[in-house]
Amino acid sequence: MYKNVSQDRKTSKKEDIKLALIILAAVLVFIAVLVPIIRFVRLSGKYAEYKEYLNDSFLYAQKHNSLSAVKDGDQIYISPGTAERLHKTIVFKVGMGKLRNDVTVPEPNRYTELSFGDGTKLAVYPFTVKTASGKRGKP
């Protein structure tokens, strides 16, 4: 009976190995393409969550008049109107980190820390960014 089964076989073992290697290569290519896509989706989700939390902190600070800035040890309270302009600039125009200049790195000692009153703090570093037109400007 075994002889009948092995004689009816239409493909050789070499062909089976080639087919298995082709399937393995296809699976590896699929995984190699899928991993960066999954990573991008996860990072996009984390970025959206970060943006939502910061947006909520700005709204809290505007509602409770609790936005302050600390630079070189000096604390300045920021009016609700200025807080609204900062909110629009940081969250909507600058995109909270989407624009960046890879040529220069901000100096670690030169930053302003925004405190929102709900425990959230944001360090803002001054640096020059390239605009879409290629001109340089300050955010």
N, C-alpha and C. Protein backbone atom coordinates (compact mmCIF):
# COMPACT_ATOMS: atom_id res chain seq x y z
N MET A 1 0.82 -1.20 0.00
CA MET A 1 0.00 0.00 0.00
C MET A 1 0.86 1.26 0.00
N TYR A 2 1.95 1.23 0.76
CA TYR A 2 2.84 2.39 0.79
C TYR A 2 3.42 2.67 -0.58
N LYS A 3 3.73 1.64 -1.32
CA LYS A 3 4.30 1.81 -2.66
C LYS A 3 3.31 2.53 -3.58
N ASN A 4 2.05 2.29 -3.41
CA ASN A 4 1.03 2.94 -4.23
C ASN A 4 0.95 4.44 -3.94
N VAL A 5 1.08 4.77 -2.68
CA VAL A 5 1.01 6.17 -2.29
C VAL A 5 2.22 6.92 -2.81
N SER A 6 3.40 6.38 -2.64
CA SER A 6 4.60 7.07 -3.08
C SER A 6 4.71 7.11 -4.60
N GLN A 7 4.15 6.17 -5.29
CA GLN A 7 4.20 6.18 -6.74
C GLN A 7 3.23 7.21 -7.32
N ASP A 8 2.13 7.49 -6.62
CA ASP A 8 1.15 8.45 -7.11
C ASP A 8 1.59 9.90 -6.88
N ARG A 9 2.62 10.07 -6.16
CA ARG A 9 3.11 11.42 -5.85
C ARG A 9 3.59 12.08 -7.14
N LYS A 10 3.12 13.34 -7.36
CA LYS A 10 3.41 14.02 -8.61
C LYS A 10 4.59 14.99 -8.52
N THR A 11 4.96 15.41 -7.31
CA THR A 11 6.08 16.34 -7.14
C THR A 11 7.20 15.65 -6.38
N SER A 12 8.41 16.07 -6.65
CA SER A 12 9.55 15.50 -5.96
C SER A 12 9.81 16.26 -4.67
N LYS A 13 10.68 15.71 -3.84
CA LYS A 13 11.02 16.37 -2.59
C LYS A 13 11.76 17.68 -2.84
N LYS A 14 12.56 17.73 -3.89
CA LYS A 14 13.26 18.97 -4.23
C LYS A 14 12.27 20.08 -4.57
N GLU A 15 11.23 19.74 -5.30
CA GLU A 15 10.21 20.73 -5.64
C GLU A 15 9.46 21.18 -4.40
N ASP A 16 9.20 20.25 -3.47
CA ASP A 16 8.53 20.61 -2.22
C ASP A 16 9.38 21.58 -1.40
N ILE A 17 10.69 21.34 -1.39
CA ILE A 17 11.59 22.23 -0.64
C ILE A 17 11.62 23.61 -1.29
N LYS A 18 11.65 23.65 -2.61
CA LYS A 18 11.63 24.94 -3.32
C LYS A 18 10.35 25.70 -3.01
N LEU A 19 9.23 24.99 -3.03
CA LEU A 19 7.94 25.61 -2.72
C LEU A 19 7.92 26.13 -1.28
N ALA A 20 8.45 25.35 -0.35
CA ALA A 20 8.50 25.77 1.05
C ALA A 20 9.38 27.01 1.22
N LEU A 21 10.51 27.05 0.50
CA LEU A 21 11.39 28.22 0.57
C LEU A 21 10.74 29.46 -0.03
N ILE A 22 10.00 29.28 -1.11
CA ILE A 22 9.29 30.42 -1.71
C ILE A 22 8.22 30.94 -0.77
N ILE A 23 7.49 30.03 -0.13
CA ILE A 23 6.46 30.45 0.84
C ILE A 23 7.11 31.14 2.03
N LEU A 24 8.22 30.60 2.52
CA LEU A 24 8.94 31.22 3.64
C LEU A 24 9.44 32.62 3.27
N ALA A 25 9.98 32.76 2.06
CA ALA A 25 10.46 34.08 1.61
C ALA A 25 9.30 35.06 1.52
N ALA A 26 8.17 34.61 1.02
CA ALA A 26 6.99 35.49 0.91
C ALA A 26 6.52 35.92 2.30
N VAL A 27 6.51 34.99 3.24
CA VAL A 27 6.10 35.33 4.61
C VAL A 27 7.07 36.34 5.23
N LEU A 28 8.38 36.14 5.02
CA LEU A 28 9.37 37.07 5.56
C LEU A 28 9.24 38.46 4.95
N VAL A 29 8.99 38.53 3.65
CA VAL A 29 8.78 39.83 3.00
C VAL A 29 7.53 40.50 3.55
N PHE A 30 6.47 39.72 3.73
CA PHE A 30 5.22 40.26 4.29
C PHE A 30 5.45 40.82 5.68
N ILE A 31 6.18 40.09 6.51
CA ILE A 31 6.48 40.57 7.87
C ILE A 31 7.35 41.82 7.82
N ALA A 32 8.34 41.82 6.92
CA ALA A 32 9.23 42.99 6.80
C ALA A 32 8.46 44.24 6.38
N VAL A 33 7.41 44.08 5.63
CA VAL A 33 6.59 45.22 5.22
C VAL A 33 5.60 45.58 6.31
N LEU A 34 5.08 44.60 7.00
CA LEU A 34 4.04 44.83 8.00
C LEU A 34 4.57 45.49 9.27
N VAL A 35 5.76 45.14 9.71
CA VAL A 35 6.31 45.67 10.97
C VAL A 35 6.42 47.20 10.94
N PRO A 36 6.99 47.83 9.92
CA PRO A 36 7.04 49.30 9.92
C PRO A 36 5.65 49.95 9.89
N ILE A 37 4.70 49.31 9.22
CA ILE A 37 3.35 49.86 9.17
C ILE A 37 2.73 49.82 10.57
N ILE A 38 2.87 48.71 11.26
CA ILE A 38 2.33 48.60 12.62
C ILE A 38 3.01 49.60 13.54
N ARG A 39 4.31 49.77 13.41
CA ARG A 39 5.04 50.73 14.25
C ARG A 39 4.56 52.15 13.97
N PHE A 40 4.36 52.50 12.71
CA PHE A 40 3.87 53.83 12.36
C PHE A 40 2.48 54.08 12.95
N VAL A 41 1.61 53.09 12.87
CA VAL A 41 0.26 53.24 13.42
C VAL A 41 0.31 53.43 14.93
N ARG A 42 1.16 52.67 15.61
CA ARG A 42 1.30 52.82 17.07
C ARG A 42 1.83 54.20 17.44
N LEU A 43 2.87 54.67 16.72
CA LEU A 43 3.43 55.99 17.02
C LEU A 43 2.42 57.09 16.71
N SER A 44 1.64 56.94 15.65
CA SER A 44 0.62 57.93 15.34
C SER A 44 -0.43 57.99 16.44
N GLY A 45 -0.80 56.84 16.96
CA GLY A 45 -1.76 56.79 18.06
C GLY A 45 -1.22 57.46 19.31
N LYS A 46 0.05 57.19 19.62
CA LYS A 46 0.66 57.83 20.80
C LYS A 46 0.75 59.34 20.61
N TYR A 47 1.08 59.78 19.40
CA TYR A 47 1.17 61.21 19.12
C TYR A 47 -0.21 61.87 19.26
N ALA A 48 -1.24 61.23 18.75
CA ALA A 48 -2.60 61.77 18.87
C ALA A 48 -3.01 61.85 20.33
N GLU A 49 -2.66 60.85 21.12
CA GLU A 49 -2.97 60.87 22.56
C GLU A 49 -2.23 62.00 23.25
N TYR A 50 -0.95 62.17 22.93
CA TYR A 50 -0.15 63.26 23.50
C TYR A 50 -0.76 64.61 23.15
N LYS A 51 -1.15 64.77 21.91
CA LYS A 51 -1.74 66.03 21.46
C LYS A 51 -3.05 66.31 22.20
N GLU A 52 -3.85 65.27 22.41
CA GLU A 52 -5.11 65.43 23.13
C GLU A 52 -4.87 65.83 24.58
N TYR A 53 -3.91 65.19 25.24
CA TYR A 53 -3.60 65.54 26.63
C TYR A 53 -3.10 66.98 26.74
N LEU A 54 -2.23 67.38 25.83
CA LEU A 54 -1.72 68.75 25.88
C LEU A 54 -2.83 69.75 25.58
N ASN A 55 -3.70 69.42 24.65
CA ASN A 55 -4.84 70.28 24.35
C ASN A 55 -5.72 70.44 25.58
N ASP A 56 -5.99 69.33 26.30
CA ASP A 56 -6.78 69.39 27.53
C ASP A 56 -6.09 70.24 28.59
N SER A 57 -4.77 70.16 28.68
CA SER A 57 -4.04 70.96 29.66
C SER A 57 -4.13 72.45 29.32
N PHE A 58 -4.04 72.80 28.03
CA PHE A 58 -4.21 74.19 27.64
C PHE A 58 -5.60 74.69 27.99
N LEU A 59 -6.61 73.89 27.71
CA LEU A 59 -7.99 74.29 28.02
C LEU A 59 -8.18 74.45 29.53
N TYR A 60 -7.58 73.57 30.33
CA TYR A 60 -7.65 73.67 31.78
C TYR A 60 -6.99 74.97 32.25
N ALA A 61 -5.83 75.26 31.70
CA ALA A 61 -5.10 76.47 32.09
C ALA A 61 -5.88 77.73 31.71
N GLN A 62 -6.53 77.73 30.55
CA GLN A 62 -7.32 78.89 30.15
C GLN A 62 -8.53 79.06 31.06
N LYS A 63 -9.18 77.95 31.40
CA LYS A 63 -10.38 78.00 32.23
C LYS A 63 -10.06 78.46 33.65
N HIS A 64 -8.95 78.00 34.21
CA HIS A 64 -8.58 78.30 35.59
C HIS A 64 -7.54 79.41 35.71
N ASN A 65 -7.17 80.02 34.59
CA ASN A 65 -6.18 81.09 34.58
C ASN A 65 -4.92 80.66 35.33
N SER A 66 -4.39 79.48 34.96
CA SER A 66 -3.28 78.92 35.72
C SER A 66 -2.03 78.65 34.89
N LEU A 67 -1.94 79.20 33.68
CA LEU A 67 -0.76 78.98 32.86
C LEU A 67 0.35 79.90 33.30
N SER A 68 1.52 79.32 33.53
CA SER A 68 2.68 80.13 33.90
C SER A 68 3.90 79.62 33.15
N ALA A 69 4.88 80.50 33.03
CA ALA A 69 6.13 80.16 32.36
C ALA A 69 7.28 80.41 33.32
N VAL A 70 8.23 79.50 33.33
CA VAL A 70 9.41 79.65 34.18
C VAL A 70 10.62 79.64 33.26
N LYS A 71 11.42 80.71 33.35
CA LYS A 71 12.66 80.81 32.58
C LYS A 71 13.73 81.37 33.50
N ASP A 72 14.82 80.67 33.60
CA ASP A 72 15.96 81.08 34.44
C ASP A 72 15.52 81.38 35.87
N GLY A 73 14.57 80.60 36.39
CA GLY A 73 14.12 80.75 37.76
C GLY A 73 13.04 81.80 37.97
N ASP A 74 12.72 82.59 36.95
CA ASP A 74 11.66 83.60 37.06
C ASP A 74 10.35 83.01 36.57
N GLN A 75 9.30 83.18 37.39
CA GLN A 75 7.99 82.66 37.02
C GLN A 75 7.07 83.81 36.61
N ILE A 76 6.44 83.64 35.46
CA ILE A 76 5.54 84.66 34.91
C ILE A 76 4.19 84.00 34.66
N TYR A 77 3.11 84.61 35.16
CA TYR A 77 1.77 84.09 34.87
C TYR A 77 1.31 84.65 33.55
N ILE A 78 0.67 83.82 32.76
CA ILE A 78 0.27 84.18 31.41
C ILE A 78 -1.24 84.38 31.38
N SER A 79 -1.67 85.48 30.77
CA SER A 79 -3.10 85.81 30.70
C SER A 79 -3.84 84.79 29.82
N PRO A 80 -5.16 84.66 30.02
CA PRO A 80 -5.92 83.70 29.20
C PRO A 80 -5.84 84.00 27.70
N GLY A 81 -5.79 85.27 27.31
CA GLY A 81 -5.68 85.62 25.89
C GLY A 81 -4.36 85.15 25.30
N THR A 82 -3.28 85.38 26.03
CA THR A 82 -1.96 84.93 25.58
C THR A 82 -1.90 83.40 25.59
N ALA A 83 -2.54 82.79 26.58
CA ALA A 83 -2.58 81.32 26.64
C ALA A 83 -3.30 80.76 25.42
N GLU A 84 -4.35 81.43 24.99
CA GLU A 84 -5.07 80.97 23.80
C GLU A 84 -4.20 81.07 22.55
N ARG A 85 -3.43 82.17 22.44
CA ARG A 85 -2.54 82.33 21.29
C ARG A 85 -1.42 81.27 21.32
N LEU A 86 -0.88 81.01 22.51
CA LEU A 86 0.14 79.97 22.64
C LEU A 86 -0.44 78.60 22.26
N HIS A 87 -1.65 78.37 22.70
CA HIS A 87 -2.34 77.11 22.40
C HIS A 87 -2.47 76.92 20.90
N LYS A 88 -2.93 77.94 20.20
CA LYS A 88 -3.09 77.84 18.76
C LYS A 88 -1.74 77.67 18.06
N THR A 89 -0.73 78.37 18.56
CA THR A 89 0.59 78.29 17.94
C THR A 89 1.23 76.92 18.16
N ILE A 90 1.24 76.46 19.39
CA ILE A 90 1.93 75.21 19.71
C ILE A 90 1.17 74.00 19.19
N VAL A 91 -0.12 73.94 19.45
CA VAL A 91 -0.88 72.74 19.10
C VAL A 91 -1.22 72.68 17.62
N PHE A 92 -1.62 73.81 17.04
CA PHE A 92 -2.14 73.75 15.68
C PHE A 92 -1.12 74.17 14.61
N LYS A 93 -0.35 75.21 14.84
CA LYS A 93 0.58 75.68 13.81
C LYS A 93 1.88 74.90 13.80
N VAL A 94 2.52 74.79 14.94
CA VAL A 94 3.82 74.12 15.00
C VAL A 94 3.63 72.61 14.94
N GLY A 95 2.55 72.10 15.46
CA GLY A 95 2.29 70.68 15.41
C GLY A 95 3.02 69.89 16.47
N MET A 96 3.48 70.54 17.50
CA MET A 96 4.13 69.91 18.65
C MET A 96 5.19 68.90 18.26
N GLY A 97 6.20 69.35 17.57
CA GLY A 97 7.32 68.48 17.27
C GLY A 97 7.35 67.97 15.86
N LYS A 98 6.34 68.23 15.05
CA LYS A 98 6.37 67.73 13.68
C LYS A 98 7.37 68.51 12.84
N LEU A 99 7.49 69.81 13.07
CA LEU A 99 8.49 70.59 12.37
C LEU A 99 9.78 70.53 13.16
N ARG A 100 10.85 70.28 12.48
CA ARG A 100 12.12 70.25 13.19
C ARG A 100 13.25 70.55 12.22
N ASN A 101 14.35 70.96 12.76
CA ASN A 101 15.52 71.24 11.97
C ASN A 101 16.60 70.26 12.40
N ASP A 102 16.97 69.34 11.54
CA ASP A 102 17.93 68.32 11.89
C ASP A 102 19.36 68.84 11.95
N VAL A 103 19.59 70.06 11.47
CA VAL A 103 20.94 70.60 11.43
C VAL A 103 21.37 71.05 12.82
N THR A 104 20.52 71.71 13.55
CA THR A 104 20.89 72.23 14.86
C THR A 104 20.10 71.53 15.95
N VAL A 105 20.74 71.36 17.08
CA VAL A 105 20.10 70.79 18.26
C VAL A 105 19.94 71.91 19.28
N PRO A 106 18.76 72.04 19.90
CA PRO A 106 18.58 73.11 20.88
C PRO A 106 19.53 72.95 22.07
N GLU A 107 19.94 74.08 22.60
CA GLU A 107 20.83 74.04 23.76
C GLU A 107 20.05 73.55 24.97
N PRO A 108 20.59 72.60 25.72
CA PRO A 108 19.84 72.01 26.83
C PRO A 108 19.54 72.99 27.97
N ASN A 109 20.32 74.04 28.13
CA ASN A 109 20.11 74.97 29.24
C ASN A 109 19.19 76.13 28.88
N ARG A 110 18.88 76.31 27.61
CA ARG A 110 18.04 77.43 27.18
C ARG A 110 16.64 76.93 26.84
N TYR A 111 15.77 76.95 27.81
CA TYR A 111 14.39 76.56 27.55
C TYR A 111 13.47 77.30 28.51
N THR A 112 12.22 77.35 28.13
CA THR A 112 11.18 77.91 28.98
C THR A 112 10.23 76.78 29.31
N GLU A 113 9.88 76.69 30.58
CA GLU A 113 8.98 75.62 31.01
C GLU A 113 7.59 76.20 31.24
N LEU A 114 6.61 75.66 30.52
CA LEU A 114 5.22 76.06 30.72
C LEU A 114 4.58 75.12 31.73
N SER A 115 3.91 75.70 32.72
CA SER A 115 3.20 74.92 33.72
C SER A 115 1.72 75.24 33.60
N PHE A 116 0.88 74.23 33.49
CA PHE A 116 -0.54 74.42 33.18
C PHE A 116 -1.44 74.44 34.40
N GLY A 117 -0.93 74.12 35.56
CA GLY A 117 -1.74 74.15 36.77
C GLY A 117 -2.41 72.82 37.09
N ASP A 118 -2.38 71.88 36.16
CA ASP A 118 -2.97 70.56 36.41
C ASP A 118 -1.87 69.50 36.58
N GLY A 119 -0.64 69.94 36.75
CA GLY A 119 0.49 69.03 36.90
C GLY A 119 1.28 68.83 35.62
N THR A 120 0.74 69.27 34.50
CA THR A 120 1.43 69.12 33.22
C THR A 120 2.45 70.23 33.05
N LYS A 121 3.63 69.86 32.58
CA LYS A 121 4.67 70.84 32.28
C LYS A 121 5.20 70.55 30.89
N LEU A 122 5.56 71.61 30.17
CA LEU A 122 6.07 71.48 28.81
C LEU A 122 7.31 72.34 28.68
N ALA A 123 8.42 71.73 28.30
CA ALA A 123 9.65 72.47 28.07
C ALA A 123 9.67 72.92 26.62
N VAL A 124 9.84 74.22 26.40
CA VAL A 124 9.86 74.79 25.06
C VAL A 124 11.27 75.31 24.80
N TYR A 125 11.92 74.75 23.78
CA TYR A 125 13.28 75.13 23.42
C TYR A 125 13.25 76.07 22.22
N PRO A 126 14.02 77.16 22.28
CA PRO A 126 14.06 78.04 21.11
C PRO A 126 15.01 77.49 20.05
N PHE A 127 14.52 77.34 18.83
CA PHE A 127 15.38 76.97 17.73
C PHE A 127 14.70 77.37 16.42
N THR A 128 15.49 77.42 15.38
CA THR A 128 15.01 77.84 14.07
C THR A 128 14.50 76.63 13.30
N VAL A 129 13.35 76.78 12.68
CA VAL A 129 12.80 75.70 11.87
C VAL A 129 12.68 76.16 10.42
N LYS A 130 12.74 75.20 9.52
CA LYS A 130 12.55 75.51 8.11
C LYS A 130 11.06 75.47 7.81
N THR A 131 10.58 76.47 7.10
CA THR A 131 9.18 76.51 6.70
C THR A 131 9.01 75.73 5.41
N ALA A 132 7.78 75.56 4.98
CA ALA A 132 7.51 74.81 3.76
C ALA A 132 8.13 75.47 2.53
N SER A 133 8.27 76.80 2.55
CA SER A 133 8.84 77.50 1.40
C SER A 133 10.36 77.46 1.39
N GLY A 134 10.95 76.90 2.44
CA GLY A 134 12.41 76.81 2.49
C GLY A 134 13.05 77.97 3.24
N LYS A 135 12.27 79.01 3.58
CA LYS A 135 12.79 80.12 4.35
C LYS A 135 12.88 79.70 5.81
N ARG A 136 13.75 80.34 6.53
CA ARG A 136 13.92 80.01 7.95
C ARG A 136 13.17 81.03 8.78
N GLY A 137 12.57 80.55 9.86
CA GLY A 137 11.83 81.44 10.72
C GLY A 137 11.74 80.86 12.12
N LYS A 138 11.37 81.68 13.06
CA LYS A 138 11.21 81.24 14.45
C LYS A 138 9.76 80.78 14.64
N PRO A 139 9.55 79.69 15.40
CA PRO A 139 8.19 79.23 15.67
C PRO A 139 7.49 80.15 16.65
